[in-house]
Amino acid sequence: MANHKSALKRARQNELRRLRNKSVKTKTKNIVKDVRLSVSESTKEDALKKLDMAKSNIDRAAQKGVIHKKTASRKISRLSKLVNAISA
């Protein structure tokens, strides 16, 4: 464990950030799973609604720095491609 005052503060901040990031990542994973599930059930309208929610959530995670912006772009692209496949 850290001994200096600044190192102790840094450790506290890192722990809070880790928990916040974990929460955002878990929420994102669950939303992506919902989109994939609705695509497998072939419910077009439901999939489109969930895709919009997923896009918003993934962009927010990238904006907060939880995931890289190119990772976010890739995830959104793949989900959109999946949803558009059932739309066609």
C-alpha atoms as a PDB file:
ATOM      1  CA  MET A   1       0.000   0.000   0.000  1.00  0.00           C
ATOM      2  CA  ALA A   2       1.082   3.567  -0.666  1.00  0.00           C
ATOM      3  CA  ASN A   3       2.774   5.635   2.036  1.00  0.00           C
ATOM      4  CA  HIS A   4       2.704   9.202   0.726  1.00  0.00           C
ATOM      5  CA  LYS A   5      -0.361  11.356   1.070  1.00  0.00           C
ATOM      6  CA  SER A   6      -0.598  11.934  -2.676  1.00  0.00           C
ATOM      7  CA  ALA A   7      -0.172   8.223  -3.411  1.00  0.00           C
ATOM      8  CA  LEU A   8      -2.960   7.363  -0.955  1.00  0.00           C
ATOM      9  CA  LYS A   9      -5.253   9.856  -2.680  1.00  0.00           C
ATOM     10  CA  ARG A  10      -4.311   8.451  -6.086  1.00  0.00           C
ATOM     11  CA  ALA A  11      -5.163   4.933  -4.856  1.00  0.00           C
ATOM     12  CA  ARG A  12      -8.599   6.131  -3.649  1.00  0.00           C
ATOM     13  CA  GLN A  13      -9.291   7.864  -6.956  1.00  0.00           C
ATOM     14  CA  ASN A  14      -8.217   4.814  -8.950  1.00  0.00           C
ATOM     15  CA  GLU A  15     -10.563   2.582  -6.967  1.00  0.00           C
ATOM     16  CA  LEU A  16     -13.542   4.904  -7.557  1.00  0.00           C
ATOM     17  CA  ARG A  17     -12.753   5.114 -11.261  1.00  0.00           C
ATOM     18  CA  ARG A  18     -12.386   1.343 -11.500  1.00  0.00           C
ATOM     19  CA  LEU A  19     -15.835   0.829  -9.990  1.00  0.00           C
ATOM     20  CA  ARG A  20     -17.377   3.492 -12.237  1.00  0.00           C
ATOM     21  CA  ASN A  21     -15.771   1.972 -15.342  1.00  0.00           C
ATOM     22  CA  LYS A  22     -16.912  -1.506 -14.323  1.00  0.00           C
ATOM     23  CA  SER A  23     -20.499  -0.287 -14.026  1.00  0.00           C
ATOM     24  CA  VAL A  24     -20.427   1.390 -17.450  1.00  0.00           C
ATOM     25  CA  LYS A  25     -18.838  -1.649 -19.118  1.00  0.00           C
ATOM     26  CA  THR A  26     -21.358  -4.044 -17.593  1.00  0.00           C
ATOM     27  CA  LYS A  27     -24.284  -1.877 -18.682  1.00  0.00           C
ATOM     28  CA  THR A  28     -22.867  -1.685 -22.206  1.00  0.00           C
ATOM     29  CA  LYS A  29     -22.372  -5.451 -22.408  1.00  0.00           C
ATOM     30  CA  ASN A  30     -25.948  -6.078 -21.265  1.00  0.00           C
ATOM     31  CA  ILE A  31     -27.400  -3.679 -23.816  1.00  0.00           C
ATOM     32  CA  VAL A  32     -25.350  -5.257 -26.619  1.00  0.00           C
ATOM     33  CA  LYS A  33     -26.591  -8.671 -25.495  1.00  0.00           C
ATOM     34  CA  ASP A  34     -30.201  -7.399 -25.644  1.00  0.00           C
ATOM     35  CA  VAL A  35     -29.685  -6.199 -29.219  1.00  0.00           C
ATOM     36  CA  ARG A  36     -28.224  -9.541 -30.286  1.00  0.00           C
ATOM     37  CA  LEU A  37     -31.094 -11.387 -28.584  1.00  0.00           C
ATOM     38  CA  SER A  38     -33.752  -9.302 -30.319  1.00  0.00           C
ATOM     39  CA  VAL A  39     -31.987  -9.880 -33.661  1.00  0.00           C
ATOM     40  CA  SER A  40     -32.024 -13.630 -33.074  1.00  0.00           C
ATOM     41  CA  GLU A  41     -35.758 -13.418 -32.333  1.00  0.00           C
ATOM     42  CA  SER A  42     -36.170 -11.431 -35.585  1.00  0.00           C
ATOM     43  CA  THR A  43     -38.147  -8.588 -34.038  1.00  0.00           C
ATOM     44  CA  LYS A  44     -37.227  -5.706 -36.331  1.00  0.00           C
ATOM     45  CA  GLU A  45     -38.817  -2.780 -34.462  1.00  0.00           C
ATOM     46  CA  ASP A  46     -37.561  -3.967 -31.097  1.00  0.00           C
ATOM     47  CA  ALA A  47     -34.064  -4.495 -32.502  1.00  0.00           C
ATOM     48  CA  LEU A  48     -34.010  -0.978 -33.962  1.00  0.00           C
ATOM     49  CA  LYS A  49     -35.081   0.574 -30.648  1.00  0.00           C
ATOM     50  CA  LYS A  50     -32.464  -1.390 -28.753  1.00  0.00           C
ATOM     51  CA  LEU A  51     -29.832  -0.528 -31.364  1.00  0.00           C
ATOM     52  CA  ASP A  52     -30.444   3.192 -30.812  1.00  0.00           C
ATOM     53  CA  MET A  53     -30.124   2.672 -27.064  1.00  0.00           C
ATOM     54  CA  ALA A  54     -26.927   0.676 -27.564  1.00  0.00           C
ATOM     55  CA  LYS A  55     -25.413   3.339 -29.847  1.00  0.00           C
ATOM     56  CA  SER A  56     -26.080   6.007 -27.267  1.00  0.00           C
ATOM     57  CA  ASN A  57     -24.645   3.930 -24.439  1.00  0.00           C
ATOM     58  CA  ILE A  58     -21.530   2.894 -26.371  1.00  0.00           C
ATOM     59  CA  ASP A  59     -20.854   6.485 -27.454  1.00  0.00           C
ATOM     60  CA  ARG A  60     -21.232   7.653 -23.865  1.00  0.00           C
ATOM     61  CA  ALA A  61     -18.764   4.995 -22.678  1.00  0.00           C
ATOM     62  CA  ALA A  62     -16.255   6.152 -25.308  1.00  0.00           C
ATOM     63  CA  GLN A  63     -16.781   9.766 -24.358  1.00  0.00           C
ATOM     64  CA  LYS A  64     -16.060   8.966 -20.704  1.00  0.00           C
ATOM     65  CA  GLY A  65     -12.902   7.112 -21.736  1.00  0.00           C
ATOM     66  CA  VAL A  66     -14.100   3.721 -20.522  1.00  0.00           C
ATOM     67  CA  ILE A  67     -13.596   2.241 -23.998  1.00  0.00           C
ATOM     68  CA  HIS A  68     -11.553   3.577 -26.906  1.00  0.00           C
ATOM     69  CA  LYS A  69     -13.436   5.606 -29.510  1.00  0.00           C
ATOM     70  CA  LYS A  70     -12.436   3.233 -32.323  1.00  0.00           C
ATOM     71  CA  THR A  71     -13.618   0.257 -30.272  1.00  0.00           C
ATOM     72  CA  ALA A  72     -16.940   2.039 -29.824  1.00  0.00           C
ATOM     73  CA  SER A  73     -17.145   2.714 -33.541  1.00  0.00           C
ATOM     74  CA  ARG A  74     -16.422  -0.940 -34.343  1.00  0.00           C
ATOM     75  CA  LYS A  75     -19.057  -2.196 -31.899  1.00  0.00           C
ATOM     76  CA  ILE A  76     -21.702   0.156 -33.286  1.00  0.00           C
ATOM     77  CA  SER A  77     -20.816  -0.785 -36.852  1.00  0.00           C
ATOM     78  CA  ARG A  78     -21.089  -4.522 -36.195  1.00  0.00           C
ATOM     79  CA  LEU A  79     -24.388  -4.161 -34.341  1.00  0.00           C
ATOM     80  CA  SER A  80     -25.833  -1.973 -37.107  1.00  0.00           C
ATOM     81  CA  LYS A  81     -24.749  -4.499 -39.710  1.00  0.00           C
ATOM     82  CA  LEU A  82     -26.448  -7.273 -37.724  1.00  0.00           C
ATOM     83  CA  VAL A  83     -29.720  -5.359 -37.349  1.00  0.00           C
ATOM     84  CA  ASN A  84     -29.749  -4.293 -41.001  1.00  0.00           C
ATOM     85  CA  ALA A  85     -29.363  -7.936 -42.039  1.00  0.00           C
ATOM     86  CA  ILE A  86     -32.772  -8.783 -40.549  1.00  0.00           C
ATOM     87  CA  SER A  87     -34.277  -5.573 -41.946  1.00  0.00           C
ATOM     88  CA  ALA A  88     -33.445  -6.540 -45.533  1.00  0.00           C
END
